[in-house]
Amino acid sequence: MQTYRLFFRCRMGVIIGRQDLVDAEDDGAALAMASQLFDACSDVAASFELWHGPRLVATSYARHQQIGDAASINAETQASVARHEEMLLDSRWTIAKSQRLLALTRRST
């Protein structure tokens, strides 16, 4: 497993959240997770950046590939997304105020 870092930004470009994706197998898995997490926080976040160390993997500004919906990612990755959603809610970042994220996590429990 590799560690990726996901940054969420508001419309002004300010970082409003950060999440380390420590359980991503590769760029594709990390990007699928980032897309799902961004969608879950889209009422607060305007964009995201996904980094692997000093390398920018992807941004929501210019997606490098088409990303499927939650149904297209495997169960293990979906469970990981759910764990990361919970961590974001428990964080002290602005992103934790996302009502969409809160609703999604309540529905999945």
PDB file of N, CA and C in Angstrom:
ATOM      1  N   MET A   1       0.835  -1.188   0.000  1.00  0.00           N
ATOM      2  CA  MET A   1       0.000   0.000   0.000  1.00  0.00           C
ATOM      3  C   MET A   1       0.877   1.249   0.000  1.00  0.00           C
ATOM      4  N   GLN A   2       0.349   2.276  -0.609  1.00  0.00           N
ATOM      5  CA  GLN A   2       1.067   3.536  -0.697  1.00  0.00           C
ATOM      6  C   GLN A   2       0.276   4.623   0.014  1.00  0.00           C
ATOM      7  N   THR A   3       0.958   5.674   0.414  1.00  0.00           N
ATOM      8  CA  THR A   3       0.282   6.782   1.072  1.00  0.00           C
ATOM      9  C   THR A   3       0.109   7.937   0.091  1.00  0.00           C
ATOM     10  N   TYR A   4      -1.112   8.400  -0.011  1.00  0.00           N
ATOM     11  CA  TYR A   4      -1.472   9.552  -0.824  1.00  0.00           C
ATOM     12  C   TYR A   4      -2.055  10.603   0.109  1.00  0.00           C
ATOM     13  N   ARG A   5      -1.952  11.843  -0.277  1.00  0.00           N
ATOM     14  CA  ARG A   5      -2.530  12.924   0.522  1.00  0.00           C
ATOM     15  C   ARG A   5      -3.534  13.673  -0.342  1.00  0.00           C
ATOM     16  N   LEU A   6      -4.718  13.830   0.213  1.00  0.00           N
ATOM     17  CA  LEU A   6      -5.822  14.491  -0.470  1.00  0.00           C
ATOM     18  C   LEU A   6      -6.087  15.827   0.213  1.00  0.00           C
ATOM     19  N   PHE A   7      -6.093  16.894  -0.574  1.00  0.00           N
ATOM     20  CA  PHE A   7      -6.401  18.227  -0.069  1.00  0.00           C
ATOM     21  C   PHE A   7      -7.729  18.676  -0.657  1.00  0.00           C
ATOM     22  N   PHE A   8      -8.580  19.254   0.190  1.00  0.00           N
ATOM     23  CA  PHE A   8      -9.837  19.849  -0.253  1.00  0.00           C
ATOM     24  C   PHE A   8      -9.678  21.359  -0.196  1.00  0.00           C
ATOM     25  N   ARG A   9     -10.182  22.045  -1.216  1.00  0.00           N
ATOM     26  CA  ARG A   9     -10.076  23.501  -1.264  1.00  0.00           C
ATOM     27  C   ARG A   9     -11.458  24.131  -1.419  1.00  0.00           C
ATOM     28  N   CYS A  10     -11.613  25.328  -0.860  1.00  0.00           N
ATOM     29  CA  CYS A  10     -12.845  26.092  -1.034  1.00  0.00           C
ATOM     30  C   CYS A  10     -12.746  26.881  -2.346  1.00  0.00           C
ATOM     31  N   ARG A  11     -13.772  27.645  -2.644  1.00  0.00           N
ATOM     32  CA  ARG A  11     -13.788  28.440  -3.886  1.00  0.00           C
ATOM     33  C   ARG A  11     -12.648  29.442  -3.961  1.00  0.00           C
ATOM     34  N   MET A  12     -12.193  29.904  -2.813  1.00  0.00           N
ATOM     35  CA  MET A  12     -11.102  30.880  -2.783  1.00  0.00           C
ATOM     36  C   MET A  12      -9.737  30.215  -2.916  1.00  0.00           C
ATOM     37  N   GLY A  13      -9.707  28.880  -2.968  1.00  0.00           N
ATOM     38  CA  GLY A  13      -8.452  28.161  -3.115  1.00  0.00           C
ATOM     39  C   GLY A  13      -7.777  27.795  -1.806  1.00  0.00           C
ATOM     40  N   VAL A  14      -8.404  28.145  -0.700  1.00  0.00           N
ATOM     41  CA  VAL A  14      -7.847  27.858   0.623  1.00  0.00           C
ATOM     42  C   VAL A  14      -8.078  26.387   0.958  1.00  0.00           C
ATOM     43  N   ILE A  15      -7.087  25.755   1.546  1.00  0.00           N
ATOM     44  CA  ILE A  15      -7.232  24.357   1.971  1.00  0.00           C
ATOM     45  C   ILE A  15      -8.172  24.314   3.168  1.00  0.00           C
ATOM     46  N   ILE A  16      -9.254  23.542   3.034  1.00  0.00           N
ATOM     47  CA  ILE A  16     -10.238  23.424   4.112  1.00  0.00           C
ATOM     48  C   ILE A  16     -10.279  22.013   4.690  1.00  0.00           C
ATOM     49  N   GLY A  17      -9.442  21.134   4.156  1.00  0.00           N
ATOM     50  CA  GLY A  17      -9.386  19.777   4.676  1.00  0.00           C
ATOM     51  C   GLY A  17      -8.243  19.008   4.055  1.00  0.00           C
ATOM     52  N   ARG A  18      -7.811  17.983   4.800  1.00  0.00           N
ATOM     53  CA  ARG A  18      -6.735  17.125   4.315  1.00  0.00           C
ATOM     54  C   ARG A  18      -6.983  15.729   4.843  1.00  0.00           C
ATOM     55  N   GLN A  19      -6.713  14.743   4.005  1.00  0.00           N
ATOM     56  CA  GLN A  19      -6.867  13.355   4.427  1.00  0.00           C
ATOM     57  C   GLN A  19      -5.752  12.521   3.813  1.00  0.00           C
ATOM     58  N   ASP A  20      -5.089  11.734   4.640  1.00  0.00           N
ATOM     59  CA  ASP A  20      -4.085  10.806   4.149  1.00  0.00           C
ATOM     60  C   ASP A  20      -4.772   9.497   3.787  1.00  0.00           C
ATOM     61  N   LEU A  21      -4.561   9.062   2.566  1.00  0.00           N
ATOM     62  CA  LEU A  21      -5.123   7.799   2.090  1.00  0.00           C
ATOM     63  C   LEU A  21      -4.010   6.759   2.175  1.00  0.00           C
ATOM     64  N   VAL A  22      -3.906   6.100   3.296  1.00  0.00           N
ATOM     65  CA  VAL A  22      -2.799   5.181   3.545  1.00  0.00           C
ATOM     66  C   VAL A  22      -3.068   3.783   3.019  1.00  0.00           C
ATOM     67  N   ASP A  23      -4.262   3.541   2.545  1.00  0.00           N
ATOM     68  CA  ASP A  23      -4.630   2.190   2.127  1.00  0.00           C
ATOM     69  C   ASP A  23      -4.911   2.075   0.636  1.00  0.00           C
ATOM     70  N   ALA A  24      -4.382   2.998  -0.153  1.00  0.00           N
ATOM     71  CA  ALA A  24      -4.570   2.948  -1.602  1.00  0.00           C
ATOM     72  C   ALA A  24      -3.487   2.090  -2.243  1.00  0.00           C
ATOM     73  N   GLU A  25      -3.883   1.198  -3.124  1.00  0.00           N
ATOM     74  CA  GLU A  25      -2.932   0.298  -3.785  1.00  0.00           C
ATOM     75  C   GLU A  25      -2.094   0.995  -4.845  1.00  0.00           C
ATOM     76  N   ASP A  26      -2.719   1.940  -5.557  1.00  0.00           N
ATOM     77  CA  ASP A  26      -2.035   2.607  -6.661  1.00  0.00           C
ATOM     78  C   ASP A  26      -2.746   3.919  -6.969  1.00  0.00           C
ATOM     79  N   ASP A  27      -2.261   4.624  -8.002  1.00  0.00           N
ATOM     80  CA  ASP A  27      -2.855   5.910  -8.375  1.00  0.00           C
ATOM     81  C   ASP A  27      -4.342   5.776  -8.685  1.00  0.00           C
ATOM     82  N   GLY A  28      -4.716   4.729  -9.397  1.00  0.00           N
ATOM     83  CA  GLY A  28      -6.115   4.548  -9.783  1.00  0.00           C
ATOM     84  C   GLY A  28      -7.024   4.382  -8.581  1.00  0.00           C
ATOM     85  N   ALA A  29      -6.606   3.566  -7.626  1.00  0.00           N
ATOM     86  CA  ALA A  29      -7.406   3.361  -6.414  1.00  0.00           C
ATOM     87  C   ALA A  29      -7.475   4.647  -5.597  1.00  0.00           C
ATOM     88  N   ALA A  30      -6.358   5.347  -5.482  1.00  0.00           N
ATOM     89  CA  ALA A  30      -6.338   6.603  -4.730  1.00  0.00           C
ATOM     90  C   ALA A  30      -7.235   7.645  -5.391  1.00  0.00           C
ATOM     91  N   LEU A  31      -7.214   7.697  -6.710  1.00  0.00           N
ATOM     92  CA  LEU A  31      -8.045   8.657  -7.431  1.00  0.00           C
ATOM     93  C   LEU A  31      -9.525   8.325  -7.292  1.00  0.00           C
ATOM     94  N   ALA A  32      -9.863   7.050  -7.311  1.00  0.00           N
ATOM     95  CA  ALA A  32     -11.263   6.637  -7.113  1.00  0.00           C
ATOM     96  C   ALA A  32     -11.726   7.032  -5.713  1.00  0.00           C
ATOM     97  N   MET A  33     -10.873   6.810  -4.716  1.00  0.00           N
ATOM     98  CA  MET A  33     -11.214   7.187  -3.354  1.00  0.00           C
ATOM     99  C   MET A  33     -11.351   8.703  -3.227  1.00  0.00           C
ATOM    100  N   ALA A  34     -10.422   9.429  -3.815  1.00  0.00           N
ATOM    101  CA  ALA A  34     -10.457  10.891  -3.753  1.00  0.00           C
ATOM    102  C   ALA A  34     -11.735  11.434  -4.376  1.00  0.00           C
ATOM    103  N   SER A  35     -12.126  10.859  -5.488  1.00  0.00           N
ATOM    104  CA  SER A  35     -13.336  11.305  -6.172  1.00  0.00           C
ATOM    105  C   SER A  35     -14.574  11.082  -5.314  1.00  0.00           C
ATOM    106  N   GLN A  36     -14.651   9.921  -4.675  1.00  0.00           N
ATOM    107  CA  GLN A  36     -15.788   9.618  -3.813  1.00  0.00           C
ATOM    108  C   GLN A  36     -15.815  10.547  -2.593  1.00  0.00           C
ATOM    109  N   LEU A  37     -14.659  10.774  -1.989  1.00  0.00           N
ATOM    110  CA  LEU A  37     -14.597  11.653  -0.826  1.00  0.00           C
ATOM    111  C   LEU A  37     -14.920  13.097  -1.209  1.00  0.00           C
ATOM    112  N   PHE A  38     -14.430  13.536  -2.344  1.00  0.00           N
ATOM    113  CA  PHE A  38     -14.739  14.884  -2.811  1.00  0.00           C
ATOM    114  C   PHE A  38     -16.237  15.039  -3.054  1.00  0.00           C
ATOM    115  N   ASP A  39     -16.836  14.050  -3.696  1.00  0.00           N
ATOM    116  CA  ASP A  39     -18.279  14.098  -3.937  1.00  0.00           C
ATOM    117  C   ASP A  39     -19.044  14.180  -2.621  1.00  0.00           C
ATOM    118  N   ALA A  40     -18.587  13.442  -1.619  1.00  0.00           N
ATOM    119  CA  ALA A  40     -19.256  13.438  -0.319  1.00  0.00           C
ATOM    120  C   ALA A  40     -19.172  14.794   0.377  1.00  0.00           C
ATOM    121  N   CYS A  41     -18.162  15.584   0.047  1.00  0.00           N
ATOM    122  CA  CYS A  41     -17.958  16.890   0.687  1.00  0.00           C
ATOM    123  C   CYS A  41     -18.237  18.056  -0.258  1.00  0.00           C
ATOM    124  N   SER A  42     -18.879  17.784  -1.356  1.00  0.00           N
ATOM    125  CA  SER A  42     -19.016  18.790  -2.412  1.00  0.00           C
ATOM    126  C   SER A  42     -19.890  19.981  -2.035  1.00  0.00           C
ATOM    127  N   ASP A  43     -20.607  19.898  -0.934  1.00  0.00           N
ATOM    128  CA  ASP A  43     -21.366  21.069  -0.494  1.00  0.00           C
ATOM    129  C   ASP A  43     -20.461  22.108   0.166  1.00  0.00           C
ATOM    130  N   VAL A  44     -19.256  21.701   0.557  1.00  0.00           N
ATOM    131  CA  VAL A  44     -18.307  22.606   1.207  1.00  0.00           C
ATOM    132  C   VAL A  44     -17.051  22.802   0.351  1.00  0.00           C
ATOM    133  N   ALA A  45     -16.566  21.733  -0.243  1.00  0.00           N
ATOM    134  CA  ALA A  45     -15.335  21.790  -1.042  1.00  0.00           C
ATOM    135  C   ALA A  45     -15.643  22.124  -2.499  1.00  0.00           C
ATOM    136  N   ALA A  46     -14.805  22.952  -3.075  1.00  0.00           N
ATOM    137  CA  ALA A  46     -14.964  23.327  -4.483  1.00  0.00           C
ATOM    138  C   ALA A  46     -14.021  22.546  -5.392  1.00  0.00           C
ATOM    139  N   SER A  47     -12.940  22.016  -4.817  1.00  0.00           N
ATOM    140  CA  SER A  47     -11.965  21.279  -5.619  1.00  0.00           C
ATOM    141  C   SER A  47     -11.112  20.409  -4.713  1.00  0.00           C
ATOM    142  N   PHE A  48     -10.335  19.521  -5.351  1.00  0.00           N
ATOM    143  CA  PHE A  48      -9.388  18.710  -4.589  1.00  0.00           C
ATOM    144  C   PHE A  48      -8.094  18.554  -5.363  1.00  0.00           C
ATOM    145  N   GLU A  49      -7.048  18.207  -4.624  1.00  0.00           N
ATOM    146  CA  GLU A  49      -5.754  17.839  -5.200  1.00  0.00           C
ATOM    147  C   GLU A  49      -5.336  16.534  -4.548  1.00  0.00           C
ATOM    148  N   LEU A  50      -4.820  15.623  -5.331  1.00  0.00           N
ATOM    149  CA  LEU A  50      -4.333  14.346  -4.824  1.00  0.00           C
ATOM    150  C   LEU A  50      -2.831  14.271  -5.079  1.00  0.00           C
ATOM    151  N   TRP A  51      -2.066  14.048  -4.006  1.00  0.00           N
ATOM    152  CA  TRP A  51      -0.611  14.014  -4.080  1.00  0.00           C
ATOM    153  C   TRP A  51      -0.080  12.667  -3.625  1.00  0.00           C
ATOM    154  N   HIS A  52       0.998  12.239  -4.245  1.00  0.00           N
ATOM    155  CA  HIS A  52       1.767  11.071  -3.797  1.00  0.00           C
ATOM    156  C   HIS A  52       3.182  11.586  -3.580  1.00  0.00           C
ATOM    157  N   GLY A  53       3.491  11.895  -2.311  1.00  0.00           N
ATOM    158  CA  GLY A  53       4.762  12.554  -2.033  1.00  0.00           C
ATOM    159  C   GLY A  53       4.780  13.901  -2.727  1.00  0.00           C
ATOM    160  N   PRO A  54       5.862  14.225  -3.450  1.00  0.00           N
ATOM    161  CA  PRO A  54       5.946  15.506  -4.131  1.00  0.00           C
ATOM    162  C   PRO A  54       5.260  15.518  -5.504  1.00  0.00           C
ATOM    163  N   ARG A  55       4.688  14.385  -5.896  1.00  0.00           N
ATOM    164  CA  ARG A  55       4.074  14.264  -7.232  1.00  0.00           C
ATOM    165  C   ARG A  55       2.577  14.517  -7.174  1.00  0.00           C
ATOM    166  N   LEU A  56       2.118  15.484  -7.972  1.00  0.00           N
ATOM    167  CA  LEU A  56       0.694  15.748  -8.101  1.00  0.00           C
ATOM    168  C   LEU A  56       0.088  14.668  -8.990  1.00  0.00           C
ATOM    169  N   VAL A  57      -0.809  13.876  -8.430  1.00  0.00           N
ATOM    170  CA  VAL A  57      -1.435  12.771  -9.167  1.00  0.00           C
ATOM    171  C   VAL A  57      -2.602  13.280  -9.987  1.00  0.00           C
ATOM    172  N   ALA A  58      -3.476  14.070  -9.369  1.00  0.00           N
ATOM    173  CA  ALA A  58      -4.668  14.553 -10.063  1.00  0.00           C
ATOM    174  C   ALA A  58      -5.280  15.714  -9.301  1.00  0.00           C
ATOM    175  N   THR A  59      -6.087  16.468 -10.015  1.00  0.00           N
ATOM    176  CA  THR A  59      -6.891  17.523  -9.402  1.00  0.00           C
ATOM    177  C   THR A  59      -8.307  17.402  -9.931  1.00  0.00           C
ATOM    178  N   SER A  60      -9.219  18.017  -9.251  1.00  0.00           N
ATOM    179  CA  SER A  60     -10.585  18.043  -9.759  1.00  0.00           C
ATOM    180  C   SER A  60     -10.736  19.095 -10.852  1.00  0.00           C
ATOM    181  N   TYR A  61      -9.743  19.955 -11.006  1.00  0.00           N
ATOM    182  CA  TYR A  61      -9.782  20.967 -12.065  1.00  0.00           C
ATOM    183  C   TYR A  61      -9.660  20.324 -13.435  1.00  0.00           C
ATOM    184  N   ALA A  62      -8.731  19.396 -13.563  1.00  0.00           N
ATOM    185  CA  ALA A  62      -8.470  18.736 -14.843  1.00  0.00           C
ATOM    186  C   ALA A  62      -8.273  17.256 -14.564  1.00  0.00           C
ATOM    187  N   ARG A  63      -9.329  16.520 -14.589  1.00  0.00           N
ATOM    188  CA  ARG A  63      -9.237  15.089 -14.300  1.00  0.00           C
ATOM    189  C   ARG A  63      -8.487  14.396 -15.431  1.00  0.00           C
ATOM    190  N   HIS A  64      -7.562  13.537 -15.047  1.00  0.00           N
ATOM    191  CA  HIS A  64      -6.730  12.838 -16.020  1.00  0.00           C
ATOM    192  C   HIS A  64      -7.418  11.607 -16.597  1.00  0.00           C
ATOM    193  N   GLN A  65      -8.466  11.167 -15.954  1.00  0.00           N
ATOM    194  CA  GLN A  65      -9.190  10.001 -16.447  1.00  0.00           C
ATOM    195  C   GLN A  65     -10.606  10.062 -15.927  1.00  0.00           C
ATOM    196  N   GLN A  66     -11.485   9.357 -16.575  1.00  0.00           N
ATOM    197  CA  GLN A  66     -12.871   9.286 -16.121  1.00  0.00           C
ATOM    198  C   GLN A  66     -12.944   8.383 -14.899  1.00  0.00           C
ATOM    199  N   ILE A  67     -13.636   8.825 -13.888  1.00  0.00           N
ATOM    200  CA  ILE A  67     -13.750   8.064 -12.661  1.00  0.00           C
ATOM    201  C   ILE A  67     -15.179   7.572 -12.534  1.00  0.00           C
ATOM    202  N   GLY A  68     -15.335   6.303 -12.206  1.00  0.00           N
ATOM    203  CA  GLY A  68     -16.660   5.732 -12.057  1.00  0.00           C
ATOM    204  C   GLY A  68     -17.331   6.149 -10.772  1.00  0.00           C
ATOM    205  N   ASP A  69     -18.557   5.722 -10.619  1.00  0.00           N
ATOM    206  CA  ASP A  69     -19.287   6.025  -9.393  1.00  0.00           C
ATOM    207  C   ASP A  69     -18.972   4.981  -8.334  1.00  0.00           C
ATOM    208  N   ALA A  70     -19.602   5.113  -7.185  1.00  0.00           N
ATOM    209  CA  ALA A  70     -19.324   4.233  -6.054  1.00  0.00           C
ATOM    210  C   ALA A  70     -19.586   2.775  -6.390  1.00  0.00           C
ATOM    211  N   ALA A  71     -20.535   2.501  -7.262  1.00  0.00           N
ATOM    212  CA  ALA A  71     -20.869   1.118  -7.606  1.00  0.00           C
ATOM    213  C   ALA A  71     -19.756   0.437  -8.395  1.00  0.00           C
ATOM    214  N   SER A  72     -18.884   1.230  -9.012  1.00  0.00           N
ATOM    215  CA  SER A  72     -17.850   0.643  -9.866  1.00  0.00           C
ATOM    216  C   SER A  72     -16.551   0.340  -9.124  1.00  0.00           C
ATOM    217  N   ILE A  73     -16.423   0.745  -7.863  1.00  0.00           N
ATOM    218  CA  ILE A  73     -15.209   0.429  -7.129  1.00  0.00           C
ATOM    219  C   ILE A  73     -15.468  -0.765  -6.221  1.00  0.00           C
ATOM    220  N   ASN A  74     -14.411  -1.514  -5.939  1.00  0.00           N
ATOM    221  CA  ASN A  74     -14.597  -2.762  -5.188  1.00  0.00           C
ATOM    222  C   ASN A  74     -15.015  -2.500  -3.743  1.00  0.00           C
ATOM    223  N   ALA A  75     -15.515  -3.543  -3.102  1.00  0.00           N
ATOM    224  CA  ALA A  75     -16.058  -3.430  -1.745  1.00  0.00           C
ATOM    225  C   ALA A  75     -14.997  -2.976  -0.741  1.00  0.00           C
ATOM    226  N   GLU A  76     -13.781  -3.449  -0.912  1.00  0.00           N
ATOM    227  CA  GLU A  76     -12.702  -3.066  -0.001  1.00  0.00           C
ATOM    228  C   GLU A  76     -12.413  -1.571  -0.098  1.00  0.00           C
ATOM    229  N   THR A  77     -12.364  -1.058  -1.319  1.00  0.00           N
ATOM    230  CA  THR A  77     -12.122   0.370  -1.514  1.00  0.00           C
ATOM    231  C   THR A  77     -13.296   1.184  -0.985  1.00  0.00           C
ATOM    232  N   GLN A  78     -14.515   0.701  -1.197  1.00  0.00           N
ATOM    233  CA  GLN A  78     -15.700   1.398  -0.698  1.00  0.00           C
ATOM    234  C   GLN A  78     -15.689   1.456   0.835  1.00  0.00           C
ATOM    235  N   ALA A  79     -15.277   0.371   1.481  1.00  0.00           N
ATOM    236  CA  ALA A  79     -15.173   0.358   2.939  1.00  0.00           C
ATOM    237  C   ALA A  79     -14.117   1.351   3.406  1.00  0.00           C
ATOM    238  N   SER A  80     -13.032   1.456   2.654  1.00  0.00           N
ATOM    239  CA  SER A  80     -11.982   2.411   2.984  1.00  0.00           C
ATOM    240  C   SER A  80     -12.499   3.843   2.857  1.00  0.00           C
ATOM    241  N   VAL A  81     -13.277   4.113   1.817  1.00  0.00           N
ATOM    242  CA  VAL A  81     -13.876   5.437   1.635  1.00  0.00           C
ATOM    243  C   VAL A  81     -14.750   5.768   2.841  1.00  0.00           C
ATOM    244  N   ALA A  82     -15.549   4.824   3.285  1.00  0.00           N
ATOM    245  CA  ALA A  82     -16.420   5.051   4.445  1.00  0.00           C
ATOM    246  C   ALA A  82     -15.603   5.377   5.696  1.00  0.00           C
ATOM    247  N   ARG A  83     -14.486   4.676   5.893  1.00  0.00           N
ATOM    248  CA  ARG A  83     -13.617   4.970   7.043  1.00  0.00           C
ATOM    249  C   ARG A  83     -13.044   6.388   6.946  1.00  0.00           C
ATOM    250  N   HIS A  84     -12.641   6.771   5.746  1.00  0.00           N
ATOM    251  CA  HIS A  84     -12.083   8.112   5.557  1.00  0.00           C
ATOM    252  C   HIS A  84     -13.157   9.183   5.746  1.00  0.00           C
ATOM    253  N   GLU A  85     -14.385   8.904   5.349  1.00  0.00           N
ATOM    254  CA  GLU A  85     -15.478   9.857   5.579  1.00  0.00           C
ATOM    255  C   GLU A  85     -15.650  10.103   7.078  1.00  0.00           C
ATOM    256  N   GLU A  86     -15.608   9.036   7.848  1.00  0.00           N
ATOM    257  CA  GLU A  86     -15.721   9.168   9.307  1.00  0.00           C
ATOM    258  C   GLU A  86     -14.566  10.002   9.871  1.00  0.00           C
ATOM    259  N   MET A  87     -13.354   9.766   9.369  1.00  0.00           N
ATOM    260  CA  MET A  87     -12.196  10.524   9.847  1.00  0.00           C
ATOM    261  C   MET A  87     -12.332  12.008   9.512  1.00  0.00           C
ATOM    262  N   LEU A  88     -12.851  12.303   8.317  1.00  0.00           N
ATOM    263  CA  LEU A  88     -13.050  13.699   7.944  1.00  0.00           C
ATOM    264  C   LEU A  88     -14.051  14.372   8.867  1.00  0.00           C
ATOM    265  N   LEU A  89     -15.121  13.667   9.207  1.00  0.00           N
ATOM    266  CA  LEU A  89     -16.111  14.226  10.122  1.00  0.00           C
ATOM    267  C   LEU A  89     -15.527  14.489  11.503  1.00  0.00           C
ATOM    268  N   ASP A  90     -14.596  13.655  11.916  1.00  0.00           N
ATOM    269  CA  ASP A  90     -13.974  13.800  13.234  1.00  0.00           C
ATOM    270  C   ASP A  90     -12.809  14.780  13.236  1.00  0.00           C
ATOM    271  N   SER A  91     -12.433  15.289  12.066  1.00  0.00           N
ATOM    272  CA  SER A  91     -11.294  16.207  11.979  1.00  0.00           C
ATOM    273  C   SER A  91     -11.694  17.601  12.460  1.00  0.00           C
ATOM    274  N   ARG A  92     -10.704  18.415  12.640  1.00  0.00           N
ATOM    275  CA  ARG A  92     -10.955  19.800  13.043  1.00  0.00           C
ATOM    276  C   ARG A  92     -10.916  20.750  11.848  1.00  0.00           C
ATOM    277  N   TRP A  93     -10.873  20.180  10.661  1.00  0.00           N
ATOM    278  CA  TRP A  93     -10.864  20.972   9.437  1.00  0.00           C
ATOM    279  C   TRP A  93     -12.269  21.507   9.151  1.00  0.00           C
ATOM    280  N   THR A  94     -12.348  22.546   8.361  1.00  0.00           N
ATOM    281  CA  THR A  94     -13.626  23.110   7.934  1.00  0.00           C
ATOM    282  C   THR A  94     -14.472  22.076   7.208  1.00  0.00           C
ATOM    283  N   ILE A  95     -13.830  21.171   6.509  1.00  0.00           N
ATOM    284  CA  ILE A  95     -14.536  20.140   5.736  1.00  0.00           C
ATOM    285  C   ILE A  95     -15.461  19.304   6.620  1.00  0.00           C
ATOM    286  N   ALA A  96     -15.170  19.223   7.904  1.00  0.00           N
ATOM    287  CA  ALA A  96     -15.983  18.442   8.842  1.00  0.00           C
ATOM    288  C   ALA A  96     -17.385  19.025   9.008  1.00  0.00           C
ATOM    289  N   LYS A  97     -17.610  20.243   8.540  1.00  0.00           N
ATOM    290  CA  LYS A  97     -18.928  20.875   8.628  1.00  0.00           C
ATOM    291  C   LYS A  97     -19.840  20.505   7.465  1.00  0.00           C
ATOM    292  N   SER A  98     -19.386  19.640   6.586  1.00  0.00           N
ATOM    293  CA  SER A  98     -20.157  19.248   5.406  1.00  0.00           C
ATOM    294  C   SER A  98     -21.425  18.493   5.815  1.00  0.00           C
ATOM    295  N   GLN A  99     -22.564  19.064   5.496  1.00  0.00           N
ATOM    296  CA  GLN A  99     -23.837  18.411   5.790  1.00  0.00           C
ATOM    297  C   GLN A  99     -24.054  17.205   4.874  1.00  0.00           C
ATOM    298  N   ARG A 100     -23.553  17.282   3.671  1.00  0.00           N
ATOM    299  CA  ARG A 100     -23.652  16.153   2.730  1.00  0.00           C
ATOM    300  C   ARG A 100     -22.852  14.958   3.254  1.00  0.00           C
ATOM    301  N   LEU A 101     -21.651  15.223   3.726  1.00  0.00           N
ATOM    302  CA  LEU A 101     -20.811  14.168   4.293  1.00  0.00           C
ATOM    303  C   LEU A 101     -21.494  13.538   5.508  1.00  0.00           C
ATOM    304  N   LEU A 102     -22.056  14.361   6.364  1.00  0.00           N
ATOM    305  CA  LEU A 102     -22.752  13.860   7.539  1.00  0.00           C
ATOM    306  C   LEU A 102     -23.926  12.972   7.145  1.00  0.00           C
ATOM    307  N   ALA A 103     -24.701  13.412   6.172  1.00  0.00           N
ATOM    308  CA  ALA A 103     -25.853  12.625   5.719  1.00  0.00           C
ATOM    309  C   ALA A 103     -25.419  11.289   5.112  1.00  0.00           C
ATOM    310  N   LEU A 104     -24.352  11.307   4.337  1.00  0.00           N
ATOM    311  CA  LEU A 104     -23.867  10.068   3.713  1.00  0.00           C
ATOM    312  C   LEU A 104     -23.364   9.075   4.746  1.00  0.00           C
ATOM    313  N   THR A 105     -22.678   9.558   5.753  1.00  0.00           N
ATOM    314  CA  THR A 105     -22.162   8.640   6.773  1.00  0.00           C
ATOM    315  C   THR A 105     -23.279   8.099   7.644  1.00  0.00           C
ATOM    316  N   ARG A 106     -24.290   8.878   7.914  1.00  0.00           N
ATOM    317  CA  ARG A 106     -25.440   8.385   8.688  1.00  0.00           C
ATOM    318  C   ARG A 106     -26.200   7.317   7.927  1.00  0.00           C
ATOM    319  N   ARG A 107     -26.297   7.496   6.624  1.00  0.00           N
ATOM    320  CA  ARG A 107     -27.039   6.543   5.790  1.00  0.00           C
ATOM    321  C   ARG A 107     -26.314   5.197   5.701  1.00  0.00           C
ATOM    322  N   SER A 108     -24.985   5.227   5.742  1.00  0.00           N
ATOM    323  CA  SER A 108     -24.221   3.992   5.585  1.00  0.00           C
ATOM    324  C   SER A 108     -24.046   3.202   6.883  1.00  0.00           C
ATOM    325  N   THR A 109     -24.471   3.777   8.011  1.00  0.00           N
ATOM    326  CA  THR A 109     -24.352   3.048   9.281  1.00  0.00           C
ATOM    327  C   THR A 109     -25.600   2.308   9.644  1.00  0.00           C
TER     328      THR A 109
END
